[in-house]
Amino acid sequence: MRFLIAFFMLMLTPATAQPVTNQDLVLNCLAQIGEETSWQECRGMIFASCQEHTVGTDTHAACLLKEKTDWKTEMANQQEVLVEKLTLSGNFMLAELMGNWLTYREARCNEVAQTRPEAGKSAKLGCEIAEIAGITAEFDACLEGRSTTPYCTIKEVKE
């Protein structure tokens, strides 16, 4: 229910506010996993724009590539804001985690692609998108004060 309320609140934002994007809805969904939503529901939202294409086709891969680009931009934007707000030690931990995550993501998504050869490039791209959305959700959680990860140490604001 809270997910639906949040969805309608996002839709009713003033005209001067930024328009609600699919990424906003997905991040809200991911924030509610285990309470109001499930991974399956959020995953469906992540890949909704490419569902009209047959998995494994060039058109499906092209659609996923666009989605990956959009998610990478969202992740980079979130990370840029986060870096400005983290303490120095938080930034060092985040930099190390991101290096490890990139290596992990590459290995994991290559493995997914190997287990689904019938899906072609789509399997790897889908895995990469899910991983990028997940890390973006973690950045969002840190910025909103919901994260318990050690790197998420926000600078104190002095007034």
C-alpha atoms as a PDB file:
ATOM      1  CA  MET A   1       0.000   0.000   0.000  1.00  0.00           C
ATOM      2  CA  ARG A   2       2.812   2.429   0.863  1.00  0.00           C
ATOM      3  CA  PHE A   3       4.258   1.797  -2.592  1.00  0.00           C
ATOM      4  CA  LEU A   4       0.999   2.903  -4.204  1.00  0.00           C
ATOM      5  CA  ILE A   5       0.807   5.971  -1.986  1.00  0.00           C
ATOM      6  CA  ALA A   6       4.403   6.878  -2.854  1.00  0.00           C
ATOM      7  CA  PHE A   7       3.636   6.354  -6.536  1.00  0.00           C
ATOM      8  CA  PHE A   8       0.657   8.710  -6.398  1.00  0.00           C
ATOM      9  CA  MET A   9       2.628  11.263  -4.373  1.00  0.00           C
ATOM     10  CA  LEU A  10       5.329  11.212  -7.029  1.00  0.00           C
ATOM     11  CA  MET A  11       2.725  11.672  -9.728  1.00  0.00           C
ATOM     12  CA  LEU A  12       1.162  14.647  -7.923  1.00  0.00           C
ATOM     13  CA  THR A  13       4.371  16.663  -7.547  1.00  0.00           C
ATOM     14  CA  PRO A  14       4.141  20.320  -8.574  1.00  0.00           C
ATOM     15  CA  ALA A  15       4.737  21.227 -12.208  1.00  0.00           C
ATOM     16  CA  THR A  16       8.005  22.956 -11.269  1.00  0.00           C
ATOM     17  CA  ALA A  17       9.399  19.708  -9.889  1.00  0.00           C
ATOM     18  CA  GLN A  18      11.406  17.312 -12.006  1.00  0.00           C
ATOM     19  CA  PRO A  19       9.214  14.820 -13.891  1.00  0.00           C
ATOM     20  CA  VAL A  20       8.980  11.341 -12.406  1.00  0.00           C
ATOM     21  CA  THR A  21      11.152   8.899 -14.316  1.00  0.00           C
ATOM     22  CA  ASN A  22      11.028   5.135 -14.532  1.00  0.00           C
ATOM     23  CA  GLN A  23      14.228   5.128 -12.475  1.00  0.00           C
ATOM     24  CA  ASP A  24      12.430   7.069  -9.706  1.00  0.00           C
ATOM     25  CA  LEU A  25       9.658   4.477  -9.640  1.00  0.00           C
ATOM     26  CA  VAL A  26      12.127   1.576  -9.682  1.00  0.00           C
ATOM     27  CA  LEU A  27      14.212   3.102  -6.879  1.00  0.00           C
ATOM     28  CA  ASN A  28      11.058   3.555  -4.814  1.00  0.00           C
ATOM     29  CA  CYS A  29      10.126  -0.053  -5.531  1.00  0.00           C
ATOM     30  CA  LEU A  30      13.587  -1.290  -4.532  1.00  0.00           C
ATOM     31  CA  ALA A  31      13.413   0.726  -1.301  1.00  0.00           C
ATOM     32  CA  GLN A  32      10.203  -1.123  -0.386  1.00  0.00           C
ATOM     33  CA  ILE A  33      11.378  -4.699  -1.076  1.00  0.00           C
ATOM     34  CA  GLY A  34      10.275  -6.993   1.710  1.00  0.00           C
ATOM     35  CA  GLU A  35       7.676  -4.533   2.961  1.00  0.00           C
ATOM     36  CA  GLU A  36       5.422  -3.491   0.090  1.00  0.00           C
ATOM     37  CA  THR A  37       7.151  -4.894  -3.010  1.00  0.00           C
ATOM     38  CA  SER A  38       9.249  -7.819  -4.184  1.00  0.00           C
ATOM     39  CA  TRP A  39      12.344  -8.199  -6.353  1.00  0.00           C
ATOM     40  CA  GLN A  40      10.161  -9.736  -9.079  1.00  0.00           C
ATOM     41  CA  GLU A  41       7.903  -6.670  -9.136  1.00  0.00           C
ATOM     42  CA  CYS A  42      10.849  -4.256  -9.240  1.00  0.00           C
ATOM     43  CA  ARG A  43      12.625  -6.309 -11.895  1.00  0.00           C
ATOM     44  CA  GLY A  44       9.505  -6.143 -14.038  1.00  0.00           C
ATOM     45  CA  MET A  45       9.575  -2.359 -13.733  1.00  0.00           C
ATOM     46  CA  ILE A  46      13.279  -2.197 -14.616  1.00  0.00           C
ATOM     47  CA  PHE A  47      12.772  -4.098 -17.865  1.00  0.00           C
ATOM     48  CA  ALA A  48       9.239  -2.955 -18.765  1.00  0.00           C
ATOM     49  CA  SER A  49      10.351  -0.730 -21.643  1.00  0.00           C
ATOM     50  CA  CYS A  50      12.058  -3.657 -23.410  1.00  0.00           C
ATOM     51  CA  GLN A  51       9.367  -6.303 -22.898  1.00  0.00           C
ATOM     52  CA  GLU A  52       7.885  -5.783 -26.346  1.00  0.00           C
ATOM     53  CA  HIS A  53      11.071  -7.174 -27.950  1.00  0.00           C
ATOM     54  CA  THR A  54      11.948 -10.851 -28.158  1.00  0.00           C
ATOM     55  CA  VAL A  55      14.764 -11.740 -25.761  1.00  0.00           C
ATOM     56  CA  GLY A  56      18.016 -12.398 -27.565  1.00  0.00           C
ATOM     57  CA  THR A  57      17.222 -10.338 -30.658  1.00  0.00           C
ATOM     58  CA  ASP A  58      19.282  -7.367 -31.761  1.00  0.00           C
ATOM     59  CA  THR A  59      16.349  -5.041 -31.067  1.00  0.00           C
ATOM     60  CA  HIS A  60      16.055  -6.372 -27.522  1.00  0.00           C
ATOM     61  CA  ALA A  61      19.786  -5.912 -26.941  1.00  0.00           C
ATOM     62  CA  ALA A  62      19.608  -2.379 -28.375  1.00  0.00           C
ATOM     63  CA  CYS A  63      16.732  -1.535 -26.036  1.00  0.00           C
ATOM     64  CA  LEU A  64      18.643  -2.941 -23.062  1.00  0.00           C
ATOM     65  CA  LEU A  65      21.754  -1.015 -24.065  1.00  0.00           C
ATOM     66  CA  LYS A  66      19.736   2.214 -23.937  1.00  0.00           C
ATOM     67  CA  GLU A  67      18.360   1.236 -20.522  1.00  0.00           C
ATOM     68  CA  LYS A  68      21.878   0.475 -19.309  1.00  0.00           C
ATOM     69  CA  THR A  69      23.043   3.904 -20.489  1.00  0.00           C
ATOM     70  CA  ASP A  70      20.134   5.565 -18.676  1.00  0.00           C
ATOM     71  CA  TRP A  71      20.861   3.634 -15.469  1.00  0.00           C
ATOM     72  CA  LYS A  72      24.584   4.401 -15.670  1.00  0.00           C
ATOM     73  CA  THR A  73      23.717   8.100 -15.927  1.00  0.00           C
ATOM     74  CA  GLU A  74      21.374   7.843 -12.937  1.00  0.00           C
ATOM     75  CA  MET A  75      24.029   5.983 -10.942  1.00  0.00           C
ATOM     76  CA  ALA A  76      26.706   8.553 -11.826  1.00  0.00           C
ATOM     77  CA  ASN A  77      24.392  11.419 -10.838  1.00  0.00           C
ATOM     78  CA  GLN A  78      23.579   9.783  -7.494  1.00  0.00           C
ATOM     79  CA  GLN A  79      27.251   9.011  -6.883  1.00  0.00           C
ATOM     80  CA  GLU A  80      28.245  12.605  -7.625  1.00  0.00           C
ATOM     81  CA  VAL A  81      25.772  13.921  -5.046  1.00  0.00           C
ATOM     82  CA  LEU A  82      26.830  11.249  -2.568  1.00  0.00           C
ATOM     83  CA  VAL A  83      30.548  11.996  -2.886  1.00  0.00           C
ATOM     84  CA  GLU A  84      29.880  15.623  -1.955  1.00  0.00           C
ATOM     85  CA  LYS A  85      28.041  14.565   1.202  1.00  0.00           C
ATOM     86  CA  LEU A  86      30.269  11.750   2.456  1.00  0.00           C
ATOM     87  CA  THR A  87      33.091  12.162   4.933  1.00  0.00           C
ATOM     88  CA  LEU A  88      36.620  11.644   3.652  1.00  0.00           C
ATOM     89  CA  SER A  89      36.756   8.131   5.117  1.00  0.00           C
ATOM     90  CA  GLY A  90      33.345   7.375   3.602  1.00  0.00           C
ATOM     91  CA  ASN A  91      34.636   8.441   0.197  1.00  0.00           C
ATOM     92  CA  PHE A  92      37.705   6.217   0.524  1.00  0.00           C
ATOM     93  CA  MET A  93      35.522   3.235   1.433  1.00  0.00           C
ATOM     94  CA  LEU A  94      33.111   4.001  -1.399  1.00  0.00           C
ATOM     95  CA  ALA A  95      35.951   4.215  -3.942  1.00  0.00           C
ATOM     96  CA  GLU A  96      37.265   0.824  -2.818  1.00  0.00           C
ATOM     97  CA  LEU A  97      33.797  -0.713  -2.854  1.00  0.00           C
ATOM     98  CA  MET A  98      33.086   0.611  -6.342  1.00  0.00           C
ATOM     99  CA  GLY A  99      36.336  -0.871  -7.673  1.00  0.00           C
ATOM    100  CA  ASN A 100      35.432  -4.236  -6.159  1.00  0.00           C
ATOM    101  CA  TRP A 101      31.845  -3.950  -7.386  1.00  0.00           C
ATOM    102  CA  LEU A 102      32.925  -3.327 -10.982  1.00  0.00           C
ATOM    103  CA  THR A 103      35.062  -6.477 -10.903  1.00  0.00           C
ATOM    104  CA  TYR A 104      32.242  -8.455  -9.259  1.00  0.00           C
ATOM    105  CA  ARG A 105      29.648  -7.168 -11.730  1.00  0.00           C
ATOM    106  CA  GLU A 106      31.767  -8.087 -14.738  1.00  0.00           C
ATOM    107  CA  ALA A 107      32.387 -11.631 -13.468  1.00  0.00           C
ATOM    108  CA  ARG A 108      28.789 -12.176 -12.367  1.00  0.00           C
ATOM    109  CA  CYS A 109      27.259 -10.891 -15.587  1.00  0.00           C
ATOM    110  CA  ASN A 110      29.676 -12.883 -17.755  1.00  0.00           C
ATOM    111  CA  GLU A 111      28.607 -15.969 -15.799  1.00  0.00           C
ATOM    112  CA  VAL A 112      24.921 -15.133 -16.319  1.00  0.00           C
ATOM    113  CA  ALA A 113      25.546 -14.724 -20.065  1.00  0.00           C
ATOM    114  CA  GLN A 114      27.289 -18.112 -20.212  1.00  0.00           C
ATOM    115  CA  THR A 115      24.380 -19.846 -18.496  1.00  0.00           C
ATOM    116  CA  ARG A 116      21.884 -18.291 -20.935  1.00  0.00           C
ATOM    117  CA  PRO A 117      23.479 -18.556 -24.391  1.00  0.00           C
ATOM    118  CA  GLU A 118      20.037 -18.497 -26.050  1.00  0.00           C
ATOM    119  CA  ALA A 119      19.545 -14.945 -24.747  1.00  0.00           C
ATOM    120  CA  GLY A 120      22.648 -13.627 -26.478  1.00  0.00           C
ATOM    121  CA  LYS A 121      23.797 -10.145 -25.400  1.00  0.00           C
ATOM    122  CA  SER A 122      20.500  -9.594 -23.614  1.00  0.00           C
ATOM    123  CA  ALA A 123      21.464 -11.817 -20.673  1.00  0.00           C
ATOM    124  CA  LYS A 124      24.633  -9.886 -19.879  1.00  0.00           C
ATOM    125  CA  LEU A 125      23.004  -6.496 -20.428  1.00  0.00           C
ATOM    126  CA  GLY A 126      20.047  -7.445 -18.234  1.00  0.00           C
ATOM    127  CA  CYS A 127      22.374  -8.546 -15.462  1.00  0.00           C
ATOM    128  CA  GLU A 128      24.388  -5.320 -15.731  1.00  0.00           C
ATOM    129  CA  ILE A 129      21.238  -3.200 -15.580  1.00  0.00           C
ATOM    130  CA  ALA A 130      19.989  -5.034 -12.496  1.00  0.00           C
ATOM    131  CA  GLU A 131      23.361  -4.580 -10.788  1.00  0.00           C
ATOM    132  CA  ILE A 132      23.518  -0.874 -11.680  1.00  0.00           C
ATOM    133  CA  ALA A 133      19.947  -0.346 -10.455  1.00  0.00           C
ATOM    134  CA  GLY A 134      20.849  -2.121  -7.214  1.00  0.00           C
ATOM    135  CA  ILE A 135      23.897   0.032  -6.515  1.00  0.00           C
ATOM    136  CA  THR A 136      21.914   3.148  -7.432  1.00  0.00           C
ATOM    137  CA  ALA A 137      19.264   2.102  -4.910  1.00  0.00           C
ATOM    138  CA  GLU A 138      22.009   1.754  -2.300  1.00  0.00           C
ATOM    139  CA  PHE A 139      23.256   5.282  -3.073  1.00  0.00           C
ATOM    140  CA  ASP A 140      19.669   6.506  -2.771  1.00  0.00           C
ATOM    141  CA  ALA A 141      19.310   4.738   0.591  1.00  0.00           C
ATOM    142  CA  CYS A 142      22.506   6.375   1.834  1.00  0.00           C
ATOM    143  CA  LEU A 143      21.355   9.822   0.746  1.00  0.00           C
ATOM    144  CA  GLU A 144      17.988   9.305   2.446  1.00  0.00           C
ATOM    145  CA  GLY A 145      19.514   8.010   5.689  1.00  0.00           C
ATOM    146  CA  ARG A 146      18.271   4.421   5.257  1.00  0.00           C
ATOM    147  CA  SER A 147      21.644   2.767   4.648  1.00  0.00           C
ATOM    148  CA  THR A 148      23.624   0.946   7.307  1.00  0.00           C
ATOM    149  CA  THR A 149      26.685   0.290   5.149  1.00  0.00           C
ATOM    150  CA  PRO A 150      29.950   1.489   6.698  1.00  0.00           C
ATOM    151  CA  TYR A 151      30.878   3.866   3.855  1.00  0.00           C
ATOM    152  CA  CYS A 152      27.666   5.828   4.331  1.00  0.00           C
ATOM    153  CA  THR A 153      28.968   8.418   6.756  1.00  0.00           C
ATOM    154  CA  ILE A 154      27.494  11.793   5.896  1.00  0.00           C
ATOM    155  CA  LYS A 155      29.343  14.968   6.872  1.00  0.00           C
ATOM    156  CA  GLU A 156      27.765  16.943   9.638  1.00  0.00           C
ATOM    157  CA  VAL A 157      26.369  20.230   8.446  1.00  0.00           C
ATOM    158  CA  LYS A 158      27.482  23.144  10.603  1.00  0.00           C
ATOM    159  CA  GLU A 159      25.097  26.043  10.816  1.00  0.00           C
END
